Protein backbone atom coordinates (compact mmCIF):
# COMPACT_ATOMS: atom_id res chain seq x y z
CA MET A 1 67.06 -76.64 -174.38
CA PRO A 2 66.15 -79.56 -171.26
CA ARG A 3 62.98 -80.13 -170.02
CA THR A 4 61.83 -79.91 -166.46
CA LYS A 5 61.07 -83.07 -164.77
CA GLY A 6 57.63 -83.67 -164.23
CA SER A 7 55.06 -83.53 -165.97
CA LYS A 8 52.55 -79.63 -166.66
CA ASN A 9 48.96 -81.74 -167.04
CA LYS A 10 48.58 -82.62 -163.87
CA PRO A 11 44.41 -81.92 -163.10
CA LYS A 12 43.38 -79.27 -160.58
CA THR A 13 41.82 -80.67 -157.85
CA VAL A 14 39.13 -77.97 -156.04
CA THR A 15 38.99 -79.72 -151.78
CA ALA A 16 37.37 -76.87 -151.00
CA ASP A 17 34.13 -77.28 -148.93
CA PHE A 18 31.75 -74.64 -150.11
CA ALA A 19 29.17 -75.50 -147.43
CA THR A 20 31.44 -75.52 -144.31
CA GLN A 21 32.39 -72.31 -145.83
CA ILE A 22 28.72 -70.35 -146.04
CA ALA A 23 28.11 -71.23 -142.70
CA GLU A 24 31.29 -69.95 -141.16
CA LYS A 25 30.52 -66.57 -143.38
CA GLN A 26 26.71 -66.94 -142.05
CA SER A 27 28.01 -67.43 -138.03
CA ALA A 28 29.98 -64.43 -138.69
CA LYS A 29 27.29 -62.56 -139.74
CA VAL A 30 25.05 -62.85 -137.15
CA ALA A 31 27.38 -62.19 -135.24
CA LEU A 32 28.95 -58.85 -136.40
CA SER A 33 24.96 -58.25 -136.81
CA ALA A 34 24.13 -58.39 -132.82
CA GLU A 35 27.67 -56.67 -131.73
CA ILE A 36 26.36 -53.47 -134.04
CA ALA A 37 23.21 -53.81 -132.59
CA SER A 38 24.59 -53.86 -129.11
CA ILE A 39 26.54 -50.73 -130.19
CA THR A 40 23.59 -48.72 -131.78
CA ALA A 41 21.56 -49.54 -128.56
CA ASN A 42 24.33 -47.95 -126.68
CA LEU A 43 24.77 -45.11 -128.64
CA ASP A 44 21.60 -44.74 -128.23
CA SER A 45 21.45 -44.56 -124.68
CA LEU A 46 24.17 -42.27 -124.64
CA LYS A 47 23.13 -39.81 -126.48
CA ALA A 48 19.70 -39.66 -124.51
CA ASP A 49 22.46 -39.09 -121.16
CA LEU A 50 23.74 -36.49 -122.82
CA LYS A 51 20.50 -34.43 -124.11
CA THR A 52 19.31 -34.65 -120.66
CA LYS A 53 23.00 -33.37 -119.48
CA LYS A 54 22.82 -30.61 -122.75
CA ALA A 55 19.63 -29.29 -120.80
CA GLU A 56 21.21 -29.24 -117.60
CA LEU A 57 23.44 -27.42 -118.18
CA LYS A 58 21.71 -25.01 -119.89
CA SER A 59 19.70 -24.01 -117.02
CA ILE A 60 22.88 -23.84 -114.83
CA ASP A 61 24.66 -21.90 -117.15
CA LYS A 62 20.87 -19.44 -117.42
CA GLU A 63 20.90 -19.37 -113.14
CA ILE A 64 24.73 -18.25 -113.46
CA VAL A 65 23.55 -15.13 -115.54
CA LYS A 66 20.76 -14.22 -113.42
CA LEU A 67 23.29 -14.40 -110.04
CA GLU A 68 25.53 -12.54 -111.48
CA VAL A 69 22.87 -9.74 -112.61
CA LYS A 70 21.60 -9.78 -108.63
CA LYS A 71 25.61 -9.34 -107.89
CA GLU A 72 25.82 -6.47 -109.83
CA LYS A 73 23.29 -4.78 -108.18
CA GLU A 74 23.94 -5.73 -104.67
CA ASP A 75 27.13 -4.00 -105.96
CA ALA A 76 25.72 -0.67 -107.20
CA LYS A 77 23.68 -0.41 -104.03
CA ALA A 78 27.01 -1.07 -101.73
CA ALA A 79 29.24 1.42 -103.76
CA GLU A 80 25.83 4.00 -103.81
CA GLU A 81 25.02 3.56 -99.61
CA ALA A 82 29.59 4.15 -99.15
CA LYS A 83 29.33 7.38 -101.34
CA LYS A 84 26.07 8.42 -99.06
CA THR A 85 27.88 7.82 -96.36
CA GLU A 86 31.06 9.57 -97.79
CA ALA A 87 29.48 12.79 -98.33
CA GLU A 88 27.40 12.56 -95.40
CA SER A 89 30.84 12.01 -93.28
CA VAL A 90 31.97 14.90 -95.10
CA LEU A 91 29.53 17.62 -94.88
CA LYS A 92 29.51 16.62 -91.10
CA LYS A 93 33.05 17.92 -90.93
CA LEU A 94 32.62 20.67 -92.80
CA LEU A 95 29.73 21.60 -90.27
CA ALA A 96 32.05 21.49 -87.72
CA GLU A 97 34.94 23.24 -89.73
CA GLY A 98 31.68 26.19 -89.24
CA MET A 99 31.70 26.24 -92.99
CA SER A 100 27.65 27.38 -93.54
CA ALA A 101 25.36 25.36 -96.10
CA ASP A 102 25.39 28.48 -98.59
CA GLU A 103 29.29 27.83 -98.60
CA ILE A 104 28.70 23.90 -98.90
CA LEU A 105 26.37 24.28 -101.98
CA ALA A 106 28.94 26.31 -103.37
CA LYS A 107 31.50 24.11 -103.75
CA LEU A 108 29.54 21.11 -104.92
CA LYS A 109 28.67 23.22 -107.90
């Protein structure tokens, strides 16, 4: 079998400069650490902002519930007034037609 040209016994030379590689990695580490600190600070401020917004939303929800209850009470009052005025108008109409109070009470029962 024929041999390939060239020697397989060449010495391996390592020309890597580990000091510069370490320095590059150190600077990348410092930059990432600074970026992480910045993001963490930003997150903390956003969390605080979120907390205040949630508290504000909660207080607004409570106010809405209170206003809805007041509205329901006012609607109930208005409905009672409407029933009262309607009853009075029916009573006046029946009295105007000549019906006696006893006959009106009997009709109501």
